[in-house]
Amino acid sequence: MAVPKSSIDPKFIQEIKESLLEKRISLLEKLNTWEDKSSPSGLKEMGDIADMASEINEDVLNSALTENEVELLNLIEHALQKIDKGTYGICEGSKKKIPIARLKAIPWTPYTVEYAEIAAKTKARIQFDRRSDSQSYNQPLDTSFDE
């Protein structure tokens, strides 16, 4: 099924893009500040912040940013790509339009509220199942025999 093109007002798209770019810069500046404190060379030699976004490896990101911030940075990058492709504002799960109010509140969201709830429940169920499976493997076997 082909992804539908966005029919959102171009002025709104531009505002969202600017907002996403500001948030990305904020996260990358946090990373840059961490780099300034941690070593005299390395990331600073890469160039400007835009260069850093595409050149930083995940290990460096993970040590400078929290897991949530890394995920947010990835979502922002993905949203910016969708803007460039003309598919911003279309739910990646249901292919329905994401309401403008949701995009204003969470401009990097790839899902409608309804689909996000389904995805969150599914993710939680998978994580629970994995924990349950790993706990059952780690429990000692009962080797006593009732006679």
Protein backbone atom coordinates (compact mmCIF):
# COMPACT_ATOMS: atom_id res chain seq x y z
CA MET A 1 0.00 0.00 0.00
CA ALA A 2 1.50 3.34 -1.03
CA VAL A 3 1.91 6.02 1.58
CA PRO A 4 -0.47 8.90 0.86
CA LYS A 5 0.96 12.37 0.38
CA SER A 6 0.39 14.98 3.05
CA SER A 7 -2.21 17.67 2.42
CA ILE A 8 -1.14 19.89 5.31
CA ASP A 9 -0.78 23.65 4.80
CA PRO A 10 2.80 24.40 3.65
CA LYS A 11 3.08 27.29 6.14
CA PHE A 12 2.26 24.90 9.01
CA ILE A 13 4.78 22.37 7.65
CA GLN A 14 7.46 25.09 7.61
CA GLU A 15 6.68 26.04 11.23
CA ILE A 16 6.89 22.39 12.28
CA LYS A 17 10.16 21.94 10.38
CA GLU A 18 11.68 24.94 12.17
CA SER A 19 10.48 23.57 15.51
CA LEU A 20 11.98 20.15 14.76
CA LEU A 21 15.28 21.69 13.68
CA GLU A 22 15.44 23.75 16.89
CA LYS A 23 14.81 20.67 19.02
CA ARG A 24 17.43 18.71 17.09
CA ILE A 25 19.96 21.52 17.58
CA SER A 26 19.17 21.60 21.29
CA LEU A 27 19.87 17.87 21.64
CA LEU A 28 23.02 18.07 19.54
CA GLU A 29 24.26 21.06 21.54
CA LYS A 30 23.84 18.96 24.66
CA LEU A 31 25.98 16.33 22.99
CA ASN A 32 28.53 18.97 21.97
CA THR A 33 28.67 20.28 25.55
CA TRP A 34 29.31 16.75 26.75
CA GLU A 35 32.09 16.39 24.19
CA ASP A 36 33.70 19.69 25.25
CA LYS A 37 33.91 18.40 28.82
CA SER A 38 34.99 14.86 28.00
CA SER A 39 37.86 15.16 25.50
CA PRO A 40 39.95 17.78 23.75
CA SER A 41 39.42 16.34 20.28
CA GLY A 42 36.90 14.23 18.42
CA LEU A 43 33.45 15.53 17.68
CA LYS A 44 34.45 19.20 17.64
CA GLU A 45 36.64 18.48 14.62
CA MET A 46 33.70 17.14 12.61
CA GLY A 47 32.30 20.53 11.74
CA ASP A 48 29.01 22.19 12.43
CA ILE A 49 26.00 20.73 14.20
CA ALA A 50 24.34 19.57 11.00
CA ASP A 51 27.43 17.52 10.14
CA MET A 52 27.39 16.02 13.61
CA ALA A 53 23.84 14.73 13.18
CA SER A 54 24.83 12.47 10.34
CA GLU A 55 28.30 11.48 11.55
CA ILE A 56 27.85 10.59 15.21
CA ASN A 57 27.80 6.89 15.94
CA GLU A 58 25.33 5.39 18.36
CA ASP A 59 27.93 4.58 21.03
CA VAL A 60 28.85 8.24 21.36
CA LEU A 61 25.18 9.25 21.41
CA ASN A 62 24.37 6.70 24.08
CA SER A 63 27.13 7.92 26.35
CA ALA A 64 26.13 11.57 26.01
CA LEU A 65 22.36 11.41 25.79
CA THR A 66 19.78 9.36 27.63
CA GLU A 67 18.02 6.53 25.83
CA ASN A 68 14.91 8.71 25.53
CA GLU A 69 16.89 11.58 24.03
CA VAL A 70 18.49 9.25 21.47
CA GLU A 71 15.04 7.94 20.56
CA LEU A 72 13.71 11.50 20.32
CA LEU A 73 16.61 12.54 18.07
CA ASN A 74 15.88 9.57 15.80
CA LEU A 75 12.17 10.47 15.68
CA ILE A 76 13.03 14.08 14.82
CA GLU A 77 15.34 12.96 12.01
CA HIS A 78 12.61 10.66 10.70
CA ALA A 79 9.99 13.45 10.84
CA LEU A 80 12.31 15.77 8.91
CA GLN A 81 12.78 13.08 6.25
CA LYS A 82 9.00 12.69 6.00
CA ILE A 83 8.65 16.45 5.52
CA ASP A 84 11.17 16.28 2.68
CA LYS A 85 9.30 13.34 1.10
CA GLY A 86 5.92 15.04 1.46
CA THR A 87 4.50 12.32 3.72
CA TYR A 88 4.61 14.22 7.04
CA GLY A 89 1.40 14.01 9.05
CA ILE A 90 0.41 10.56 7.77
CA CYS A 91 0.28 7.78 10.39
CA GLU A 92 2.84 5.10 9.61
CA GLY A 93 0.62 2.40 11.05
CA SER A 94 -2.89 3.21 9.86
CA LYS A 95 -2.04 5.54 6.94
CA LYS A 96 -4.64 8.00 8.30
CA LYS A 97 -3.99 11.72 8.71
CA ILE A 98 -2.55 12.69 12.08
CA PRO A 99 -4.65 15.54 13.55
CA ILE A 100 -3.00 18.98 13.46
CA ALA A 101 -3.44 19.35 17.24
CA ARG A 102 -1.37 16.19 17.79
CA LEU A 103 1.32 17.38 15.37
CA LYS A 104 1.48 20.72 17.21
CA ALA A 105 1.86 18.93 20.55
CA ILE A 106 4.27 16.23 19.37
CA PRO A 107 5.69 17.28 15.99
CA TRP A 108 7.91 14.18 15.72
CA THR A 109 5.09 11.67 16.21
CA PRO A 110 4.78 9.04 13.48
CA TYR A 111 1.35 7.83 14.69
CA THR A 112 -2.21 8.87 15.43
CA VAL A 113 -3.21 8.59 19.10
CA GLU A 114 -5.20 5.45 18.37
CA TYR A 115 -2.35 3.70 16.60
CA ALA A 116 0.22 4.87 19.18
CA GLU A 117 -1.87 3.24 21.93
CA ILE A 118 -1.99 -0.04 20.00
CA ALA A 119 1.76 0.12 19.36
CA ALA A 120 2.51 0.87 23.03
CA LYS A 121 0.38 -2.05 24.25
CA THR A 122 2.03 -4.38 21.76
CA LYS A 123 5.52 -3.21 22.78
CA ALA A 124 4.68 -3.64 26.47
CA ARG A 125 3.32 -7.13 25.82
CA ILE A 126 6.47 -8.13 23.92
CA GLN A 127 8.73 -6.77 26.68
CA PHE A 128 6.68 -8.60 29.33
CA ASP A 129 6.86 -11.84 27.35
CA ARG A 130 10.63 -11.50 26.96
CA ARG A 131 11.06 -10.87 30.70
CA SER A 132 8.86 -13.84 31.53
CA ASP A 133 10.78 -16.09 29.15
CA SER A 134 14.19 -15.02 30.45
CA GLN A 135 13.11 -15.45 34.07
CA SER A 136 11.87 -18.98 33.48
CA TYR A 137 15.22 -19.94 31.93
CA ASN A 138 17.16 -18.50 34.88
CA GLN A 139 15.25 -20.37 37.57
CA PRO A 140 17.03 -23.41 38.99
CA LEU A 141 15.59 -26.76 38.14
CA ASP A 142 13.97 -28.75 40.90
CA THR A 143 16.13 -31.83 41.07
CA SER A 144 14.61 -33.29 44.26
CA PHE A 145 12.60 -36.43 43.86
CA ASP A 146 9.63 -37.32 45.95
CA GLU A 147 9.78 -40.94 46.94
